[in-house]
Amino acid sequence: MQCLEYSKRRLAAFLEEIQHLKGSEFPYAHSEHALELIEHWFSGYLTQLGKLTAGSDASTVRAACAAELTGLFEYLPLLGFILRSTNPRNAFEFHGPS
């Protein structure tokens, strides 16, 4: 189950990047809240993958790994978007006019 271990490492790296971003200063609380939600969601993925073992059904493992990878492809650009929101001049990207 090489894909399972690889998926766990990818998720751990993604969550580590979220921790790094959480140390940034954000002009608006919305960016921090978004990071919290994303972290919670992907921690759940990691928990689910942690329940699978080498003895688990191969199609179940493949489906879980595929779901994890799809999630990363969808949310990784959002982390970049949130990172850009740390600059007050770019904050309009994440925070609309009041």
PDB file of N, CA and C in Angstrom:
ATOM      1  N   MET A   1       0.821  -1.196   0.000  1.00  0.00           N
ATOM      2  CA  MET A   1       0.000   0.000   0.000  1.00  0.00           C
ATOM      3  C   MET A   1       0.862   1.256   0.000  1.00  0.00           C
ATOM      4  N   GLN A   2       1.681   1.365  -1.004  1.00  0.00           N
ATOM      5  CA  GLN A   2       2.576   2.507  -1.125  1.00  0.00           C
ATOM      6  C   GLN A   2       1.794   3.813  -1.289  1.00  0.00           C
ATOM      7  N   CYS A   3       0.695   3.779  -2.018  1.00  0.00           N
ATOM      8  CA  CYS A   3      -0.075   5.014  -2.234  1.00  0.00           C
ATOM      9  C   CYS A   3      -0.660   5.517  -0.922  1.00  0.00           C
ATOM     10  N   LEU A   4      -0.981   4.633   0.002  1.00  0.00           N
ATOM     11  CA  LEU A   4      -1.531   5.041   1.290  1.00  0.00           C
ATOM     12  C   LEU A   4      -0.506   5.845   2.095  1.00  0.00           C
ATOM     13  N   GLU A   5       0.704   5.341   2.176  1.00  0.00           N
ATOM     14  CA  GLU A   5       1.747   6.064   2.919  1.00  0.00           C
ATOM     15  C   GLU A   5       2.096   7.381   2.240  1.00  0.00           C
ATOM     16  N   TYR A   6       2.128   7.363   0.921  1.00  0.00           N
ATOM     17  CA  TYR A   6       2.418   8.592   0.183  1.00  0.00           C
ATOM     18  C   TYR A   6       1.326   9.632   0.421  1.00  0.00           C
ATOM     19  N   SER A   7       0.073   9.196   0.434  1.00  0.00           N
ATOM     20  CA  SER A   7      -1.044  10.108   0.681  1.00  0.00           C
ATOM     21  C   SER A   7      -0.977  10.696   2.086  1.00  0.00           C
ATOM     22  N   LYS A   8      -0.620   9.875   3.056  1.00  0.00           N
ATOM     23  CA  LYS A   8      -0.482  10.365   4.430  1.00  0.00           C
ATOM     24  C   LYS A   8       0.614  11.429   4.516  1.00  0.00           C
ATOM     25  N   ARG A   9       1.717  11.198   3.827  1.00  0.00           N
ATOM     26  CA  ARG A   9       2.810  12.181   3.856  1.00  0.00           C
ATOM     27  C   ARG A   9       2.418  13.475   3.157  1.00  0.00           C
ATOM     28  N   ARG A  10       1.674  13.356   2.052  1.00  0.00           N
ATOM     29  CA  ARG A  10       1.202  14.555   1.342  1.00  0.00           C
ATOM     30  C   ARG A  10       0.291  15.378   2.240  1.00  0.00           C
ATOM     31  N   LEU A  11      -0.619  14.693   2.920  1.00  0.00           N
ATOM     32  CA  LEU A  11      -1.530  15.401   3.819  1.00  0.00           C
ATOM     33  C   LEU A  11      -0.789  16.038   4.980  1.00  0.00           C
ATOM     34  N   ALA A  12       0.176  15.319   5.536  1.00  0.00           N
ATOM     35  CA  ALA A  12       0.966  15.882   6.642  1.00  0.00           C
ATOM     36  C   ALA A  12       1.695  17.143   6.186  1.00  0.00           C
ATOM     37  N   ALA A  13       2.248  17.131   4.981  1.00  0.00           N
ATOM     38  CA  ALA A  13       2.946  18.303   4.455  1.00  0.00           C
ATOM     39  C   ALA A  13       1.970  19.463   4.233  1.00  0.00           C
ATOM     40  N   PHE A  14       0.791  19.163   3.748  1.00  0.00           N
ATOM     41  CA  PHE A  14      -0.236  20.177   3.525  1.00  0.00           C
ATOM     42  C   PHE A  14      -0.648  20.808   4.852  1.00  0.00           C
ATOM     43  N   LEU A  15      -0.875  19.984   5.864  1.00  0.00           N
ATOM     44  CA  LEU A  15      -1.252  20.482   7.184  1.00  0.00           C
ATOM     45  C   LEU A  15      -0.118  21.280   7.828  1.00  0.00           C
ATOM     46  N   GLU A  16       1.110  20.869   7.557  1.00  0.00           N
ATOM     47  CA  GLU A  16       2.264  21.612   8.062  1.00  0.00           C
ATOM     48  C   GLU A  16       2.326  23.002   7.422  1.00  0.00           C
ATOM     49  N   GLU A  17       2.000  23.086   6.158  1.00  0.00           N
ATOM     50  CA  GLU A  17       1.977  24.382   5.474  1.00  0.00           C
ATOM     51  C   GLU A  17       0.878  25.278   6.056  1.00  0.00           C
ATOM     52  N   ILE A  18      -0.241  24.683   6.409  1.00  0.00           N
ATOM     53  CA  ILE A  18      -1.309  25.452   7.042  1.00  0.00           C
ATOM     54  C   ILE A  18      -0.813  26.014   8.372  1.00  0.00           C
ATOM     55  N   GLN A  19      -0.094  25.205   9.148  1.00  0.00           N
ATOM     56  CA  GLN A  19       0.456  25.678  10.417  1.00  0.00           C
ATOM     57  C   GLN A  19       1.407  26.859  10.188  1.00  0.00           C
ATOM     58  N   HIS A  20       2.202  26.751   9.152  1.00  0.00           N
ATOM     59  CA  HIS A  20       3.125  27.833   8.808  1.00  0.00           C
ATOM     60  C   HIS A  20       2.356  29.107   8.467  1.00  0.00           C
ATOM     61  N   LEU A  21       1.303  28.967   7.671  1.00  0.00           N
ATOM     62  CA  LEU A  21       0.494  30.130   7.282  1.00  0.00           C
ATOM     63  C   LEU A  21      -0.230  30.742   8.474  1.00  0.00           C
ATOM     64  N   LYS A  22      -0.621  29.913   9.432  1.00  0.00           N
ATOM     65  CA  LYS A  22      -1.331  30.423  10.599  1.00  0.00           C
ATOM     66  C   LYS A  22      -0.446  31.338  11.438  1.00  0.00           C
ATOM     67  N   GLY A  23       0.860  31.250  11.262  1.00  0.00           N
ATOM     68  CA  GLY A  23       1.779  32.125  11.969  1.00  0.00           C
ATOM     69  C   GLY A  23       1.896  33.496  11.326  1.00  0.00           C
ATOM     70  N   SER A  24       1.247  33.709  10.199  1.00  0.00           N
ATOM     71  CA  SER A  24       1.296  34.995   9.494  1.00  0.00           C
ATOM     72  C   SER A  24       0.327  35.984  10.127  1.00  0.00           C
ATOM     73  N   GLU A  25       0.538  37.253   9.823  1.00  0.00           N
ATOM     74  CA  GLU A  25      -0.381  38.295  10.276  1.00  0.00           C
ATOM     75  C   GLU A  25      -1.390  38.563   9.163  1.00  0.00           C
ATOM     76  N   PHE A  26      -2.655  38.480   9.518  1.00  0.00           N
ATOM     77  CA  PHE A  26      -3.719  38.722   8.554  1.00  0.00           C
ATOM     78  C   PHE A  26      -4.466  39.991   8.932  1.00  0.00           C
ATOM     79  N   PRO A  27      -4.722  40.877   7.961  1.00  0.00           N
ATOM     80  CA  PRO A  27      -5.447  42.103   8.276  1.00  0.00           C
ATOM     81  C   PRO A  27      -6.924  41.848   8.584  1.00  0.00           C
ATOM     82  N   TYR A  28      -7.450  40.713   8.147  1.00  0.00           N
ATOM     83  CA  TYR A  28      -8.848  40.362   8.381  1.00  0.00           C
ATOM     84  C   TYR A  28      -8.919  38.958   8.971  1.00  0.00           C
ATOM     85  N   ALA A  29      -9.893  38.739   9.810  1.00  0.00           N
ATOM     86  CA  ALA A  29     -10.044  37.444  10.484  1.00  0.00           C
ATOM     87  C   ALA A  29     -10.543  36.350   9.544  1.00  0.00           C
ATOM     88  N   HIS A  30     -11.093  36.729   8.404  1.00  0.00           N
ATOM     89  CA  HIS A  30     -11.657  35.743   7.490  1.00  0.00           C
ATOM     90  C   HIS A  30     -10.612  34.758   6.982  1.00  0.00           C
ATOM     91  N   SER A  31      -9.410  35.239   6.742  1.00  0.00           N
ATOM     92  CA  SER A  31      -8.339  34.366   6.255  1.00  0.00           C
ATOM     93  C   SER A  31      -7.985  33.323   7.310  1.00  0.00           C
ATOM     94  N   GLU A  32      -7.880  33.740   8.552  1.00  0.00           N
ATOM     95  CA  GLU A  32      -7.564  32.810   9.637  1.00  0.00           C
ATOM     96  C   GLU A  32      -8.678  31.790   9.814  1.00  0.00           C
ATOM     97  N   HIS A  33      -9.904  32.247   9.700  1.00  0.00           N
ATOM     98  CA  HIS A  33     -11.043  31.338   9.823  1.00  0.00           C
ATOM     99  C   HIS A  33     -11.035  30.303   8.700  1.00  0.00           C
ATOM    100  N   ALA A  34     -10.727  30.740   7.494  1.00  0.00           N
ATOM    101  CA  ALA A  34     -10.650  29.817   6.365  1.00  0.00           C
ATOM    102  C   ALA A  34      -9.574  28.765   6.603  1.00  0.00           C
ATOM    103  N   LEU A  35      -8.429  29.176   7.132  1.00  0.00           N
ATOM    104  CA  LEU A  35      -7.362  28.214   7.434  1.00  0.00           C
ATOM    105  C   LEU A  35      -7.820  27.195   8.473  1.00  0.00           C
ATOM    106  N   GLU A  36      -8.548  27.650   9.474  1.00  0.00           N
ATOM    107  CA  GLU A  36      -9.062  26.740  10.502  1.00  0.00           C
ATOM    108  C   GLU A  36      -9.984  25.690   9.880  1.00  0.00           C
ATOM    109  N   LEU A  37     -10.880  26.146   9.009  1.00  0.00           N
ATOM    110  CA  LEU A  37     -11.811  25.225   8.362  1.00  0.00           C
ATOM    111  C   LEU A  37     -11.096  24.220   7.466  1.00  0.00           C
ATOM    112  N   ILE A  38     -10.144  24.700   6.698  1.00  0.00           N
ATOM    113  CA  ILE A  38      -9.392  23.808   5.814  1.00  0.00           C
ATOM    114  C   ILE A  38      -8.582  22.812   6.636  1.00  0.00           C
ATOM    115  N   GLU A  39      -7.962  23.288   7.705  1.00  0.00           N
ATOM    116  CA  GLU A  39      -7.182  22.397   8.559  1.00  0.00           C
ATOM    117  C   GLU A  39      -8.075  21.316   9.165  1.00  0.00           C
ATOM    118  N   HIS A  40      -9.242  21.692   9.629  1.00  0.00           N
ATOM    119  CA  HIS A  40     -10.165  20.721  10.214  1.00  0.00           C
ATOM    120  C   HIS A  40     -10.573  19.670   9.174  1.00  0.00           C
ATOM    121  N   TRP A  41     -10.883  20.130   7.979  1.00  0.00           N
ATOM    122  CA  TRP A  41     -11.317  19.237   6.908  1.00  0.00           C
ATOM    123  C   TRP A  41     -10.215  18.225   6.550  1.00  0.00           C
ATOM    124  N   PHE A  42      -9.003  18.708   6.371  1.00  0.00           N
ATOM    125  CA  PHE A  42      -7.925  17.817   5.954  1.00  0.00           C
ATOM    126  C   PHE A  42      -7.374  16.977   7.095  1.00  0.00           C
ATOM    127  N   SER A  43      -7.547  17.416   8.325  1.00  0.00           N
ATOM    128  CA  SER A  43      -7.201  16.565   9.465  1.00  0.00           C
ATOM    129  C   SER A  43      -8.131  15.356   9.491  1.00  0.00           C
ATOM    130  N   GLY A  44      -9.378  15.582   9.104  1.00  0.00           N
ATOM    131  CA  GLY A  44     -10.330  14.473   8.986  1.00  0.00           C
ATOM    132  C   GLY A  44      -9.901  13.475   7.926  1.00  0.00           C
ATOM    133  N   TYR A  45      -9.414  13.986   6.796  1.00  0.00           N
ATOM    134  CA  TYR A  45      -8.876  13.095   5.757  1.00  0.00           C
ATOM    135  C   TYR A  45      -7.745  12.236   6.329  1.00  0.00           C
ATOM    136  N   LEU A  46      -6.842  12.876   7.051  1.00  0.00           N
ATOM    137  CA  LEU A  46      -5.699  12.162   7.601  1.00  0.00           C
ATOM    138  C   LEU A  46      -6.152  11.113   8.619  1.00  0.00           C
ATOM    139  N   THR A  47      -7.142  11.433   9.406  1.00  0.00           N
ATOM    140  CA  THR A  47      -7.692  10.475  10.369  1.00  0.00           C
ATOM    141  C   THR A  47      -8.276   9.272   9.647  1.00  0.00           C
ATOM    142  N   GLN A  48      -9.014   9.524   8.569  1.00  0.00           N
ATOM    143  CA  GLN A  48      -9.607   8.429   7.804  1.00  0.00           C
ATOM    144  C   GLN A  48      -8.533   7.545   7.166  1.00  0.00           C
ATOM    145  N   LEU A  49      -7.497   8.180   6.617  1.00  0.00           N
ATOM    146  CA  LEU A  49      -6.413   7.390   6.025  1.00  0.00           C
ATOM    147  C   LEU A  49      -5.680   6.594   7.095  1.00  0.00           C
ATOM    148  N   GLY A  50      -5.594   7.144   8.304  1.00  0.00           N
ATOM    149  CA  GLY A  50      -4.931   6.463   9.403  1.00  0.00           C
ATOM    150  C   GLY A  50      -5.644   5.191   9.826  1.00  0.00           C
ATOM    151  N   LYS A  51      -6.925   5.099   9.526  1.00  0.00           N
ATOM    152  CA  LYS A  51      -7.702   3.904   9.878  1.00  0.00           C
ATOM    153  C   LYS A  51      -7.471   2.761   8.894  1.00  0.00           C
ATOM    154  N   LEU A  52      -6.921   3.085   7.728  1.00  0.00           N
ATOM    155  CA  LEU A  52      -6.664   2.059   6.720  1.00  0.00           C
ATOM    156  C   LEU A  52      -5.306   1.410   6.978  1.00  0.00           C
ATOM    157  N   THR A  53      -5.205   0.145   6.664  1.00  0.00           N
ATOM    158  CA  THR A  53      -3.953  -0.599   6.856  1.00  0.00           C
ATOM    159  C   THR A  53      -3.608  -1.332   5.570  1.00  0.00           C
ATOM    160  N   ALA A  54      -2.486  -2.023   5.609  1.00  0.00           N
ATOM    161  CA  ALA A  54      -2.068  -2.816   4.452  1.00  0.00           C
ATOM    162  C   ALA A  54      -3.072  -3.928   4.161  1.00  0.00           C
ATOM    163  N   GLY A  55      -3.828  -4.330   5.168  1.00  0.00           N
ATOM    164  CA  GLY A  55      -4.830  -5.377   4.985  1.00  0.00           C
ATOM    165  C   GLY A  55      -6.181  -4.870   4.516  1.00  0.00           C
ATOM    166  N   SER A  56      -6.329  -3.565   4.369  1.00  0.00           N
ATOM    167  CA  SER A  56      -7.595  -2.984   3.921  1.00  0.00           C
ATOM    168  C   SER A  56      -7.836  -3.312   2.456  1.00  0.00           C
ATOM    169  N   ASP A  57      -9.097  -3.255   2.086  1.00  0.00           N
ATOM    170  CA  ASP A  57      -9.486  -3.506   0.700  1.00  0.00           C
ATOM    171  C   ASP A  57      -8.765  -2.527  -0.227  1.00  0.00           C
ATOM    172  N   ALA A  58      -8.132  -3.048  -1.256  1.00  0.00           N
ATOM    173  CA  ALA A  58      -7.315  -2.225  -2.160  1.00  0.00           C
ATOM    174  C   ALA A  58      -8.139  -1.152  -2.858  1.00  0.00           C
ATOM    175  N   SER A  59      -9.371  -1.467  -3.259  1.00  0.00           N
ATOM    176  CA  SER A  59     -10.188  -0.461  -3.950  1.00  0.00           C
ATOM    177  C   SER A  59     -10.615   0.649  -2.989  1.00  0.00           C
ATOM    178  N   THR A  60     -10.820   0.308  -1.727  1.00  0.00           N
ATOM    179  CA  THR A  60     -11.151   1.316  -0.725  1.00  0.00           C
ATOM    180  C   THR A  60      -9.967   2.255  -0.503  1.00  0.00           C
ATOM    181  N   VAL A  61      -8.777   1.681  -0.432  1.00  0.00           N
ATOM    182  CA  VAL A  61      -7.568   2.487  -0.243  1.00  0.00           C
ATOM    183  C   VAL A  61      -7.354   3.411  -1.438  1.00  0.00           C
ATOM    184  N   ARG A  62      -7.516   2.884  -2.642  1.00  0.00           N
ATOM    185  CA  ARG A  62      -7.347   3.709  -3.849  1.00  0.00           C
ATOM    186  C   ARG A  62      -8.359   4.845  -3.880  1.00  0.00           C
ATOM    187  N   ALA A  63      -9.609   4.548  -3.507  1.00  0.00           N
ATOM    188  CA  ALA A  63     -10.643   5.582  -3.513  1.00  0.00           C
ATOM    189  C   ALA A  63     -10.332   6.660  -2.474  1.00  0.00           C
ATOM    190  N   ALA A  64      -9.873   6.259  -1.299  1.00  0.00           N
ATOM    191  CA  ALA A  64      -9.526   7.234  -0.253  1.00  0.00           C
ATOM    192  C   ALA A  64      -8.344   8.087  -0.689  1.00  0.00           C
ATOM    193  N   CYS A  65      -7.354   7.478  -1.296  1.00  0.00           N
ATOM    194  CA  CYS A  65      -6.180   8.232  -1.772  1.00  0.00           C
ATOM    195  C   CYS A  65      -6.561   9.185  -2.897  1.00  0.00           C
ATOM    196  N   ALA A  66      -7.456   8.740  -3.769  1.00  0.00           N
ATOM    197  CA  ALA A  66      -7.907   9.594  -4.869  1.00  0.00           C
ATOM    198  C   ALA A  66      -8.689  10.793  -4.332  1.00  0.00           C
ATOM    199  N   ALA A  67      -9.530  10.557  -3.326  1.00  0.00           N
ATOM    200  CA  ALA A  67     -10.300  11.663  -2.722  1.00  0.00           C
ATOM    201  C   ALA A  67      -9.355  12.666  -2.070  1.00  0.00           C
ATOM    202  N   GLU A  68      -8.330  12.162  -1.387  1.00  0.00           N
ATOM    203  CA  GLU A  68      -7.341  13.041  -0.745  1.00  0.00           C
ATOM    204  C   GLU A  68      -6.618  13.877  -1.779  1.00  0.00           C
ATOM    205  N   LEU A  69      -6.185  13.252  -2.858  1.00  0.00           N
ATOM    206  CA  LEU A  69      -5.447  13.964  -3.896  1.00  0.00           C
ATOM    207  C   LEU A  69      -6.326  15.013  -4.576  1.00  0.00           C
ATOM    208  N   THR A  70      -7.570  14.659  -4.831  1.00  0.00           N
ATOM    209  CA  THR A  70      -8.501  15.623  -5.424  1.00  0.00           C
ATOM    210  C   THR A  70      -8.685  16.825  -4.510  1.00  0.00           C
ATOM    211  N   GLY A  71      -8.835  16.562  -3.222  1.00  0.00           N
ATOM    212  CA  GLY A  71      -8.976  17.651  -2.258  1.00  0.00           C
ATOM    213  C   GLY A  71      -7.767  18.567  -2.247  1.00  0.00           C
ATOM    214  N   LEU A  72      -6.576  17.975  -2.307  1.00  0.00           N
ATOM    215  CA  LEU A  72      -5.360  18.789  -2.325  1.00  0.00           C
ATOM    216  C   LEU A  72      -5.279  19.644  -3.582  1.00  0.00           C
ATOM    217  N   PHE A  73      -5.619  19.068  -4.734  1.00  0.00           N
ATOM    218  CA  PHE A  73      -5.598  19.838  -5.979  1.00  0.00           C
ATOM    219  C   PHE A  73      -6.582  21.000  -5.929  1.00  0.00           C
ATOM    220  N   GLU A  74      -7.710  20.809  -5.244  1.00  0.00           N
ATOM    221  CA  GLU A  74      -8.715  21.863  -5.174  1.00  0.00           C
ATOM    222  C   GLU A  74      -8.347  22.947  -4.166  1.00  0.00           C
ATOM    223  N   TYR A  75      -7.728  22.555  -3.049  1.00  0.00           N
ATOM    224  CA  TYR A  75      -7.495  23.508  -1.969  1.00  0.00           C
ATOM    225  C   TYR A  75      -6.101  24.125  -1.941  1.00  0.00           C
ATOM    226  N   LEU A  76      -5.128  23.539  -2.601  1.00  0.00           N
ATOM    227  CA  LEU A  76      -3.786  24.116  -2.593  1.00  0.00           C
ATOM    228  C   LEU A  76      -3.760  25.528  -3.186  1.00  0.00           C
ATOM    229  N   PRO A  77      -4.453  25.785  -4.294  1.00  0.00           N
ATOM    230  CA  PRO A  77      -4.482  27.173  -4.786  1.00  0.00           C
ATOM    231  C   PRO A  77      -5.129  28.133  -3.787  1.00  0.00           C
ATOM    232  N   LEU A  78      -6.086  27.649  -2.998  1.00  0.00           N
ATOM    233  CA  LEU A  78      -6.716  28.503  -2.004  1.00  0.00           C
ATOM    234  C   LEU A  78      -5.721  28.909  -0.922  1.00  0.00           C
ATOM    235  N   LEU A  79      -4.790  28.024  -0.576  1.00  0.00           N
ATOM    236  CA  LEU A  79      -3.753  28.407   0.391  1.00  0.00           C
ATOM    237  C   LEU A  79      -2.907  29.553  -0.151  1.00  0.00           C
ATOM    238  N   GLY A  80      -2.594  29.526  -1.436  1.00  0.00           N
ATOM    239  CA  GLY A  80      -1.856  30.631  -2.052  1.00  0.00           C
ATOM    240  C   GLY A  80      -2.663  31.918  -2.025  1.00  0.00           C
ATOM    241  N   PHE A  81      -3.947  31.797  -2.249  1.00  0.00           N
ATOM    242  CA  PHE A  81      -4.851  32.943  -2.203  1.00  0.00           C
ATOM    243  C   PHE A  81      -4.871  33.532  -0.796  1.00  0.00           C
ATOM    244  N   ILE A  82      -4.934  32.672   0.209  1.00  0.00           N
ATOM    245  CA  ILE A  82      -4.931  33.123   1.602  1.00  0.00           C
ATOM    246  C   ILE A  82      -3.587  33.764   1.939  1.00  0.00           C
ATOM    247  N   LEU A  83      -2.504  33.197   1.451  1.00  0.00           N
ATOM    248  CA  LEU A  83      -1.177  33.778   1.682  1.00  0.00           C
ATOM    249  C   LEU A  83      -1.112  35.195   1.135  1.00  0.00           C
ATOM    250  N   ARG A  84      -1.668  35.414  -0.050  1.00  0.00           N
ATOM    251  CA  ARG A  84      -1.656  36.758  -0.634  1.00  0.00           C
ATOM    252  C   ARG A  84      -2.492  37.740   0.182  1.00  0.00           C
ATOM    253  N   SER A  85      -3.437  37.218   0.955  1.00  0.00           N
ATOM    254  CA  SER A  85      -4.280  38.115   1.750  1.00  0.00           C
ATOM    255  C   SER A  85      -3.546  38.673   2.963  1.00  0.00           C
ATOM    256  N   THR A  86      -2.310  38.204   3.230  1.00  0.00           N
ATOM    257  CA  THR A  86      -1.549  38.748   4.356  1.00  0.00           C
ATOM    258  C   THR A  86      -1.052  40.155   4.054  1.00  0.00           C
ATOM    259  N   ASN A  87      -0.949  40.503   2.804  1.00  0.00           N
ATOM    260  CA  ASN A  87      -0.512  41.839   2.409  1.00  0.00           C
ATOM    261  C   ASN A  87      -1.735  42.748   2.375  1.00  0.00           C
ATOM    262  N   PRO A  88      -1.769  43.795   3.182  1.00  0.00           N
ATOM    263  CA  PRO A  88      -2.951  44.664   3.220  1.00  0.00           C
ATOM    264  C   PRO A  88      -3.319  45.250   1.858  1.00  0.00           C
ATOM    265  N   ARG A  89      -2.352  45.402   0.993  1.00  0.00           N
ATOM    266  CA  ARG A  89      -2.678  45.945  -0.330  1.00  0.00           C
ATOM    267  C   ARG A  89      -3.383  44.914  -1.187  1.00  0.00           C
ATOM    268  N   ASN A  90      -3.242  43.628  -0.867  1.00  0.00           N
ATOM    269  CA  ASN A  90      -3.906  42.576  -1.624  1.00  0.00           C
ATOM    270  C   ASN A  90      -5.129  42.027  -0.899  1.00  0.00           C
ATOM    271  N   ALA A  91      -5.433  42.544   0.257  1.00  0.00           N
ATOM    272  CA  ALA A  91      -6.486  41.976   1.084  1.00  0.00           C
ATOM    273  C   ALA A  91      -7.851  41.995   0.392  1.00  0.00           C
ATOM    274  N   PHE A  92      -8.024  42.865  -0.578  1.00  0.00           N
ATOM    275  CA  PHE A  92      -9.310  42.920  -1.275  1.00  0.00           C
ATOM    276  C   PHE A  92      -9.620  41.604  -1.968  1.00  0.00           C
ATOM    277  N   GLU A  93      -8.592  40.796  -2.267  1.00  0.00           N
ATOM    278  CA  GLU A  93      -8.844  39.522  -2.934  1.00  0.00           C
ATOM    279  C   GLU A  93      -9.686  38.603  -2.066  1.00  0.00           C
ATOM    280  N   PHE A  94      -9.483  38.660  -0.777  1.00  0.00           N
ATOM    281  CA  PHE A  94     -10.170  37.742   0.112  1.00  0.00           C
ATOM    282  C   PHE A  94     -11.295  38.412   0.883  1.00  0.00           C
ATOM    283  N   HIS A  95     -11.266  39.697   0.999  1.00  0.00           N
ATOM    284  CA  HIS A  95     -12.244  40.426   1.790  1.00  0.00           C
ATOM    285  C   HIS A  95     -12.896  41.479   0.905  1.00  0.00           C
ATOM    286  N   GLY A  96     -14.167  41.328   0.653  1.00  0.00           N
ATOM    287  CA  GLY A  96     -14.874  42.252  -0.210  1.00  0.00           C
ATOM    288  C   GLY A  96     -15.103  43.598   0.448  1.00  0.00           C
ATOM    289  N   PRO A  97     -15.582  44.559  -0.299  1.00  0.00           N
ATOM    290  CA  PRO A  97     -15.848  45.893   0.253  1.00  0.00           C
ATOM    291  C   PRO A  97     -16.919  45.824   1.344  1.00  0.00           C
ATOM    292  N   SER A  98     -16.774  46.668   2.335  1.00  0.00           N
ATOM    293  CA  SER A  98     -17.740  46.692   3.464  1.00  0.00           C
ATOM    294  C   SER A  98     -18.952  47.530   3.135  1.00  0.00           C
TER     295      SER A  98
END
